Amino acid sequence: MQHSRKQGIIEYFTKLMKIKRYAPSSIRSYKNAISLFLDAFPDKHPENISIHEIENFLYRKIKQETYLHLIKKLWWAPFSFFTTICGVKISN
């Protein structure tokens, strides 16, 4: 994904989180998660990432993490991102 497109997506999501009054620490964590998520799909626009690809991404990330109870919420951010940006309904 082009750097400017990635930055635009992250800035948009950051603006949404600020409007919803997320804590600055949450915004930093979610921005990092979204950045890693976008990096995992460098040649795809978020609208073209399938639910199956997102589930696989989350599964790999959660499986890699030692502190699952702390990390689980952080890695849910890409799902929120995907539904916000693309208007896709994903049940958890």
C-alpha atoms as a PDB file:
ATOM      1  CA  MET A   1       0.000   0.000   0.000  1.00  0.00           C
ATOM      2  CA  GLN A   2       1.307   3.432  -0.866  1.00  0.00           C
ATOM      3  CA  HIS A   3       2.641   5.361   2.115  1.00  0.00           C
ATOM      4  CA  SER A   4       0.361   8.346   1.492  1.00  0.00           C
ATOM      5  CA  ARG A   5      -2.735   6.128   1.212  1.00  0.00           C
ATOM      6  CA  LYS A   6      -1.768   4.289   4.399  1.00  0.00           C
ATOM      7  CA  GLN A   7      -1.206   7.595   6.219  1.00  0.00           C
ATOM      8  CA  GLY A   8      -4.552   8.905   4.997  1.00  0.00           C
ATOM      9  CA  ILE A   9      -6.365   5.827   6.290  1.00  0.00           C
ATOM     10  CA  ILE A  10      -4.607   6.013   9.659  1.00  0.00           C
ATOM     11  CA  GLU A  11      -5.342   9.744   9.968  1.00  0.00           C
ATOM     12  CA  TYR A  12      -9.012   9.166   9.138  1.00  0.00           C
ATOM     13  CA  PHE A  13      -9.297   6.404  11.716  1.00  0.00           C
ATOM     14  CA  THR A  14      -7.459   8.570  14.268  1.00  0.00           C
ATOM     15  CA  LYS A  15      -9.949  11.371  13.679  1.00  0.00           C
ATOM     16  CA  LEU A  16     -12.838   8.957  14.265  1.00  0.00           C
ATOM     17  CA  MET A  17     -11.274   7.750  17.517  1.00  0.00           C
ATOM     18  CA  LYS A  18     -10.768  11.341  18.721  1.00  0.00           C
ATOM     19  CA  ILE A  19     -14.404  12.164  17.933  1.00  0.00           C
ATOM     20  CA  LYS A  20     -15.420   9.126  19.982  1.00  0.00           C
ATOM     21  CA  ARG A  21     -13.122  10.412  22.768  1.00  0.00           C
ATOM     22  CA  TYR A  22     -10.739   7.457  22.883  1.00  0.00           C
ATOM     23  CA  ALA A  23      -7.876   7.873  25.333  1.00  0.00           C
ATOM     24  CA  PRO A  24      -4.584   9.014  23.759  1.00  0.00           C
ATOM     25  CA  SER A  25      -2.942   5.743  24.805  1.00  0.00           C
ATOM     26  CA  SER A  26      -5.702   3.747  23.072  1.00  0.00           C
ATOM     27  CA  ILE A  27      -5.333   5.844  19.935  1.00  0.00           C
ATOM     28  CA  ARG A  28      -1.578   5.141  19.846  1.00  0.00           C
ATOM     29  CA  SER A  29      -2.137   1.404  20.325  1.00  0.00           C
ATOM     30  CA  TYR A  30      -4.869   1.192  17.713  1.00  0.00           C
ATOM     31  CA  LYS A  31      -2.862   3.260  15.212  1.00  0.00           C
ATOM     32  CA  ASN A  32      -0.003   0.803  15.619  1.00  0.00           C
ATOM     33  CA  ALA A  33      -2.341  -2.171  15.139  1.00  0.00           C
ATOM     34  CA  ILE A  34      -3.925  -0.613  12.055  1.00  0.00           C
ATOM     35  CA  SER A  35      -0.507   0.164  10.607  1.00  0.00           C
ATOM     36  CA  LEU A  36       0.590  -3.449  11.069  1.00  0.00           C
ATOM     37  CA  PHE A  37      -2.702  -4.616   9.597  1.00  0.00           C
ATOM     38  CA  LEU A  38      -2.264  -2.458   6.488  1.00  0.00           C
ATOM     39  CA  ASP A  39       1.359  -3.608   6.171  1.00  0.00           C
ATOM     40  CA  ALA A  40       0.124  -7.211   6.092  1.00  0.00           C
ATOM     41  CA  PHE A  41      -1.788  -6.423   2.876  1.00  0.00           C
ATOM     42  CA  PRO A  42       0.569  -4.092   0.971  1.00  0.00           C
ATOM     43  CA  ASP A  43      -1.044  -4.591  -2.429  1.00  0.00           C
ATOM     44  CA  LYS A  44      -4.684  -4.377  -1.366  1.00  0.00           C
ATOM     45  CA  HIS A  45      -7.045  -1.555  -0.617  1.00  0.00           C
ATOM     46  CA  PRO A  46      -8.979  -2.229   2.618  1.00  0.00           C
ATOM     47  CA  GLU A  47     -12.199  -2.633   0.639  1.00  0.00           C
ATOM     48  CA  ASN A  48     -10.618  -5.594  -1.157  1.00  0.00           C
ATOM     49  CA  ILE A  49      -9.467  -7.487   1.935  1.00  0.00           C
ATOM     50  CA  SER A  50     -11.729 -10.443   2.548  1.00  0.00           C
ATOM     51  CA  ILE A  51     -13.196 -11.412   5.891  1.00  0.00           C
ATOM     52  CA  HIS A  52     -11.275 -14.679   5.626  1.00  0.00           C
ATOM     53  CA  GLU A  53      -7.987 -12.771   5.218  1.00  0.00           C
ATOM     54  CA  ILE A  54      -8.774 -10.625   8.254  1.00  0.00           C
ATOM     55  CA  GLU A  55      -9.624 -13.674  10.346  1.00  0.00           C
ATOM     56  CA  ASN A  56      -6.339 -15.318   9.327  1.00  0.00           C
ATOM     57  CA  PHE A  57      -4.431 -12.141  10.155  1.00  0.00           C
ATOM     58  CA  LEU A  58      -6.035 -11.935  13.599  1.00  0.00           C
ATOM     59  CA  TYR A  59      -5.475 -15.629  14.254  1.00  0.00           C
ATOM     60  CA  ARG A  60      -1.763 -15.346  13.413  1.00  0.00           C
ATOM     61  CA  LYS A  61      -1.311 -12.228  15.546  1.00  0.00           C
ATOM     62  CA  ILE A  62      -3.150 -13.575  18.573  1.00  0.00           C
ATOM     63  CA  LYS A  63      -1.314 -16.891  18.272  1.00  0.00           C
ATOM     64  CA  GLN A  64       2.043 -15.048  18.246  1.00  0.00           C
ATOM     65  CA  GLU A  65       1.341 -13.036  21.373  1.00  0.00           C
ATOM     66  CA  THR A  66       2.271 -14.273  24.827  1.00  0.00           C
ATOM     67  CA  TYR A  67      -0.128 -12.076  26.787  1.00  0.00           C
ATOM     68  CA  LEU A  68      -3.321 -13.027  25.029  1.00  0.00           C
ATOM     69  CA  HIS A  69      -5.630 -11.340  27.551  1.00  0.00           C
ATOM     70  CA  LEU A  70      -3.889  -7.986  26.982  1.00  0.00           C
ATOM     71  CA  ILE A  71      -3.448  -8.288  23.241  1.00  0.00           C
ATOM     72  CA  LYS A  72      -6.857  -9.625  22.224  1.00  0.00           C
ATOM     73  CA  LYS A  73      -8.566  -6.224  22.385  1.00  0.00           C
ATOM     74  CA  LEU A  74      -5.719  -4.530  20.528  1.00  0.00           C
ATOM     75  CA  TRP A  75      -5.987  -6.917  17.598  1.00  0.00           C
ATOM     76  CA  TRP A  76      -9.723  -6.419  17.396  1.00  0.00           C
ATOM     77  CA  ALA A  77      -8.965  -2.892  16.137  1.00  0.00           C
ATOM     78  CA  PRO A  78      -8.498  -3.992  12.500  1.00  0.00           C
ATOM     79  CA  PHE A  79     -11.986  -5.487  12.577  1.00  0.00           C
ATOM     80  CA  SER A  80     -13.385  -2.186  13.846  1.00  0.00           C
ATOM     81  CA  PHE A  81     -11.330  -0.377  11.249  1.00  0.00           C
ATOM     82  CA  PHE A  82     -12.599  -2.587   8.459  1.00  0.00           C
ATOM     83  CA  THR A  83     -16.238  -2.160   9.401  1.00  0.00           C
ATOM     84  CA  THR A  84     -15.870   1.607   9.851  1.00  0.00           C
ATOM     85  CA  ILE A  85     -14.051   2.271   6.604  1.00  0.00           C
ATOM     86  CA  CYS A  86     -15.792  -0.266   4.381  1.00  0.00           C
ATOM     87  CA  GLY A  87     -19.178  -0.595   6.017  1.00  0.00           C
ATOM     88  CA  VAL A  88     -18.850  -4.385   6.255  1.00  0.00           C
ATOM     89  CA  LYS A  89     -20.749  -6.115   9.043  1.00  0.00           C
ATOM     90  CA  ILE A  90     -18.625  -8.672  10.879  1.00  0.00           C
ATOM     91  CA  SER A  91     -19.976 -10.537  13.871  1.00  0.00           C
ATOM     92  CA  ASN A  92     -17.626 -11.435  16.710  1.00  0.00           C
END
